[in-house]
Structure formats: structure tokens, C-alpha cells
Amino acid sequence: MKTNSKILIAAGAGLAIGGILGVLFAPESGADIRRKISGKGKKLVDNVKNQFVEVKDKFQNMNKAVKDQMEKVTERVDGHV
């Protein structure tokens, strides 16, 4: 994983943890706090899923590009033999 991806994941996790701690220490009722934590947890899960899909798509694109290049090389080698 590249440095930029690691930084984005760490920043997202830091924001989520900071948000949860902020909600926990806010002077609100327990029900309100649980609702906020639940909402932030769902957003965090959605963000992680989106990042996973992006990384998976990038990997699949790179895999396809490598296969395409290998096919070209194979065709060239077969054509010269």
C-alpha cells in the first residue's frame, strides 16, 4: 500500500476516533450519544468499504494491465520463433 493510502486511512481512523470521543464527552443524554455513535460508526464502515472497493478496483486494473502486457510479449515472442 502506498504512503498516501496509509495516510488517508490513518486520517480517517483519527477523525472517527476523535468524533466518537467528542460525542462521549459531550453533555447530552445517553440516547443521543448512542445515536450519534451509531451514525458515526455507520459512516466509518461506509468509508472503509469505499476505500476497500477503490483499492480492489486499482488492483484489478493493474492485474489486467499486466496480463495485457504479458499477452503482447507472448505474441511478439511467438511471432519471432
N, C-alpha and C. Protein backbone atom coordinates (compact mmCIF):
# COMPACT_ATOMS: atom_id res chain seq x y z
N MET A 1 0.85 -1.16 0.00
CA MET A 1 0.00 0.00 0.00
C MET A 1 0.90 1.23 0.00
N LYS A 2 0.52 2.21 -0.77
CA LYS A 2 1.34 3.40 -0.89
C LYS A 2 1.17 4.30 0.33
N THR A 3 2.11 5.21 0.48
CA THR A 3 2.11 6.11 1.62
C THR A 3 0.85 6.96 1.68
N ASN A 4 0.38 7.46 0.53
CA ASN A 4 -0.82 8.29 0.52
C ASN A 4 -2.03 7.53 1.04
N SER A 5 -2.16 6.28 0.66
CA SER A 5 -3.28 5.46 1.12
C SER A 5 -3.21 5.26 2.62
N LYS A 6 -2.01 5.01 3.13
CA LYS A 6 -1.84 4.82 4.56
C LYS A 6 -2.21 6.08 5.32
N ILE A 7 -1.81 7.22 4.79
CA ILE A 7 -2.10 8.50 5.44
C ILE A 7 -3.60 8.74 5.45
N LEU A 8 -4.28 8.47 4.34
CA LEU A 8 -5.73 8.66 4.27
C LEU A 8 -6.46 7.75 5.25
N ILE A 9 -6.03 6.51 5.34
CA ILE A 9 -6.67 5.57 6.26
C ILE A 9 -6.44 6.02 7.70
N ALA A 10 -5.21 6.42 8.02
CA ALA A 10 -4.91 6.89 9.38
C ALA A 10 -5.70 8.15 9.72
N ALA A 11 -5.81 9.06 8.75
CA ALA A 11 -6.57 10.29 8.99
C ALA A 11 -8.05 9.97 9.21
N GLY A 12 -8.59 9.07 8.42
CA GLY A 12 -9.99 8.67 8.58
C GLY A 12 -10.24 8.03 9.93
N ALA A 13 -9.33 7.15 10.33
CA ALA A 13 -9.46 6.50 11.63
C ALA A 13 -9.34 7.53 12.76
N GLY A 14 -8.41 8.46 12.62
CA GLY A 14 -8.24 9.50 13.63
C GLY A 14 -9.48 10.38 13.75
N LEU A 15 -10.06 10.74 12.60
CA LEU A 15 -11.28 11.54 12.64
C LEU A 15 -12.43 10.79 13.30
N ALA A 16 -12.53 9.52 12.98
CA ALA A 16 -13.61 8.71 13.57
C ALA A 16 -13.44 8.59 15.08
N ILE A 17 -12.22 8.30 15.51
CA ILE A 17 -11.96 8.16 16.95
C ILE A 17 -12.18 9.50 17.65
N GLY A 18 -11.71 10.57 17.04
CA GLY A 18 -11.91 11.89 17.63
C GLY A 18 -13.39 12.25 17.73
N GLY A 19 -14.14 11.90 16.69
CA GLY A 19 -15.58 12.16 16.71
C GLY A 19 -16.28 11.39 17.80
N ILE A 20 -15.90 10.12 17.94
CA ILE A 20 -16.52 9.29 18.99
C ILE A 20 -16.17 9.82 20.37
N LEU A 21 -14.92 10.18 20.59
CA LEU A 21 -14.54 10.72 21.90
C LEU A 21 -15.25 12.04 22.17
N GLY A 22 -15.40 12.87 21.15
CA GLY A 22 -16.11 14.13 21.32
C GLY A 22 -17.55 13.90 21.72
N VAL A 23 -18.17 12.91 21.11
CA VAL A 23 -19.56 12.60 21.44
C VAL A 23 -19.66 12.04 22.85
N LEU A 24 -18.71 11.19 23.24
CA LEU A 24 -18.75 10.59 24.57
C LEU A 24 -18.63 11.63 25.68
N PHE A 25 -17.88 12.67 25.44
CA PHE A 25 -17.67 13.68 26.48
C PHE A 25 -18.61 14.87 26.36
N ALA A 26 -19.52 14.82 25.42
CA ALA A 26 -20.50 15.90 25.24
C ALA A 26 -21.58 15.79 26.32
N PRO A 27 -22.09 16.92 26.78
CA PRO A 27 -23.13 16.90 27.82
C PRO A 27 -24.52 16.65 27.22
N GLU A 28 -24.75 15.42 26.77
CA GLU A 28 -26.02 15.06 26.17
C GLU A 28 -26.56 13.80 26.82
N SER A 29 -27.80 13.46 26.52
CA SER A 29 -28.40 12.25 27.09
C SER A 29 -27.76 11.01 26.48
N GLY A 30 -27.88 9.90 27.18
CA GLY A 30 -27.32 8.63 26.71
C GLY A 30 -27.88 8.21 25.36
N ALA A 31 -29.19 8.41 25.17
CA ALA A 31 -29.82 8.02 23.90
C ALA A 31 -29.25 8.83 22.74
N ASP A 32 -29.07 10.12 22.96
CA ASP A 32 -28.50 10.97 21.91
C ASP A 32 -27.07 10.55 21.58
N ILE A 33 -26.31 10.25 22.61
CA ILE A 33 -24.92 9.85 22.42
C ILE A 33 -24.86 8.53 21.65
N ARG A 34 -25.69 7.55 22.05
CA ARG A 34 -25.70 6.27 21.35
C ARG A 34 -26.09 6.44 19.89
N ARG A 35 -27.04 7.30 19.62
CA ARG A 35 -27.47 7.55 18.25
C ARG A 35 -26.34 8.17 17.43
N LYS A 36 -25.63 9.11 18.04
CA LYS A 36 -24.51 9.74 17.33
C LYS A 36 -23.38 8.74 17.08
N ILE A 37 -23.09 7.92 18.08
CA ILE A 37 -22.03 6.92 17.92
C ILE A 37 -22.41 5.95 16.81
N SER A 38 -23.66 5.53 16.82
CA SER A 38 -24.13 4.61 15.78
C SER A 38 -24.00 5.24 14.40
N GLY A 39 -24.39 6.49 14.28
CA GLY A 39 -24.29 7.18 12.99
C GLY A 39 -22.86 7.32 12.52
N LYS A 40 -21.98 7.66 13.44
CA LYS A 40 -20.57 7.81 13.08
C LYS A 40 -19.95 6.45 12.74
N GLY A 41 -20.37 5.42 13.46
CA GLY A 41 -19.88 4.07 13.17
C GLY A 41 -20.30 3.63 11.78
N LYS A 42 -21.54 3.93 11.40
CA LYS A 42 -22.02 3.57 10.07
C LYS A 42 -21.24 4.32 8.99
N LYS A 43 -20.95 5.60 9.25
CA LYS A 43 -20.17 6.38 8.28
C LYS A 43 -18.77 5.80 8.15
N LEU A 44 -18.17 5.41 9.28
CA LEU A 44 -16.83 4.83 9.25
C LEU A 44 -16.83 3.53 8.45
N VAL A 45 -17.83 2.68 8.68
CA VAL A 45 -17.92 1.42 7.94
C VAL A 45 -18.08 1.70 6.45
N ASP A 46 -18.91 2.66 6.11
CA ASP A 46 -19.11 3.02 4.70
C ASP A 46 -17.81 3.51 4.08
N ASN A 47 -17.06 4.34 4.81
CA ASN A 47 -15.79 4.85 4.30
C ASN A 47 -14.79 3.72 4.08
N VAL A 48 -14.72 2.80 5.03
CA VAL A 48 -13.79 1.68 4.90
C VAL A 48 -14.18 0.81 3.70
N LYS A 49 -15.49 0.56 3.55
CA LYS A 49 -15.95 -0.23 2.39
C LYS A 49 -15.59 0.46 1.09
N ASN A 50 -15.80 1.78 1.02
CA ASN A 50 -15.48 2.52 -0.20
C ASN A 50 -13.98 2.46 -0.51
N GLN A 51 -13.16 2.61 0.52
CA GLN A 51 -11.72 2.54 0.31
C GLN A 51 -11.31 1.15 -0.15
N PHE A 52 -11.93 0.11 0.43
CA PHE A 52 -11.62 -1.25 0.02
C PHE A 52 -11.98 -1.46 -1.44
N VAL A 53 -13.14 -0.97 -1.85
CA VAL A 53 -13.56 -1.12 -3.24
C VAL A 53 -12.58 -0.40 -4.17
N GLU A 54 -12.15 0.80 -3.78
CA GLU A 54 -11.20 1.55 -4.61
C GLU A 54 -9.88 0.78 -4.75
N VAL A 55 -9.38 0.26 -3.64
CA VAL A 55 -8.11 -0.49 -3.69
C VAL A 55 -8.29 -1.75 -4.53
N LYS A 56 -9.41 -2.44 -4.35
CA LYS A 56 -9.68 -3.65 -5.13
C LYS A 56 -9.74 -3.33 -6.62
N ASP A 57 -10.42 -2.23 -6.97
CA ASP A 57 -10.51 -1.83 -8.38
C ASP A 57 -9.14 -1.50 -8.96
N LYS A 58 -8.33 -0.79 -8.19
CA LYS A 58 -6.98 -0.47 -8.65
C LYS A 58 -6.17 -1.73 -8.88
N PHE A 59 -6.28 -2.68 -7.94
CA PHE A 59 -5.55 -3.94 -8.08
C PHE A 59 -6.01 -4.70 -9.32
N GLN A 60 -7.33 -4.75 -9.54
CA GLN A 60 -7.84 -5.44 -10.72
C GLN A 60 -7.37 -4.77 -12.00
N ASN A 61 -7.34 -3.44 -12.01
CA ASN A 61 -6.86 -2.72 -13.19
C ASN A 61 -5.38 -3.00 -13.45
N MET A 62 -4.59 -3.02 -12.38
CA MET A 62 -3.16 -3.32 -12.54
C MET A 62 -2.98 -4.76 -13.02
N ASN A 63 -3.76 -5.67 -12.47
CA ASN A 63 -3.69 -7.07 -12.87
C ASN A 63 -4.02 -7.23 -14.35
N LYS A 64 -5.05 -6.55 -14.81
CA LYS A 64 -5.43 -6.60 -16.22
C LYS A 64 -4.33 -6.02 -17.10
N ALA A 65 -3.74 -4.92 -16.66
CA ALA A 65 -2.67 -4.29 -17.44
C ALA A 65 -1.47 -5.23 -17.57
N VAL A 66 -1.14 -5.92 -16.49
CA VAL A 66 -0.02 -6.86 -16.53
C VAL A 66 -0.34 -8.01 -17.47
N LYS A 67 -1.56 -8.54 -17.38
CA LYS A 67 -1.95 -9.63 -18.27
C LYS A 67 -1.89 -9.19 -19.74
N ASP A 68 -2.38 -7.98 -20.00
CA ASP A 68 -2.34 -7.46 -21.38
C ASP A 68 -0.90 -7.36 -21.88
N GLN A 69 -0.02 -6.86 -21.03
CA GLN A 69 1.39 -6.72 -21.43
C GLN A 69 2.01 -8.10 -21.66
N MET A 70 1.67 -9.06 -20.80
CA MET A 70 2.21 -10.40 -20.97
C MET A 70 1.72 -11.02 -22.27
N GLU A 71 0.47 -10.79 -22.63
CA GLU A 71 -0.05 -11.30 -23.90
C GLU A 71 0.69 -10.68 -25.08
N LYS A 72 0.97 -9.39 -25.01
CA LYS A 72 1.71 -8.72 -26.09
C LYS A 72 3.12 -9.30 -26.23
N VAL A 73 3.76 -9.51 -25.08
CA VAL A 73 5.12 -10.06 -25.10
C VAL A 73 5.08 -11.48 -25.67
N THR A 74 4.10 -12.27 -25.26
CA THR A 74 3.97 -13.63 -25.75
C THR A 74 3.75 -13.64 -27.26
N GLU A 75 2.91 -12.74 -27.74
CA GLU A 75 2.64 -12.65 -29.18
C GLU A 75 3.91 -12.29 -29.93
N ARG A 76 4.69 -11.37 -29.41
CA ARG A 76 5.94 -10.98 -30.07
C ARG A 76 6.92 -12.14 -30.10
N VAL A 77 7.03 -12.84 -28.97
CA VAL A 77 7.97 -13.97 -28.90
C VAL A 77 7.51 -15.07 -29.85
N ASP A 78 6.23 -15.38 -29.86
CA ASP A 78 5.72 -16.42 -30.75
C ASP A 78 5.89 -16.03 -32.21
N GLY A 79 5.76 -14.74 -32.52
CA GLY A 79 5.92 -14.28 -33.89
C GLY A 79 7.36 -14.36 -34.39
N HIS A 80 8.34 -14.33 -33.50
CA HIS A 80 9.75 -14.35 -33.88
C HIS A 80 10.36 -15.74 -33.83
N VAL A 81 9.60 -16.69 -33.38
CA VAL A 81 10.17 -18.05 -33.26
C VAL A 81 9.96 -18.82 -34.50
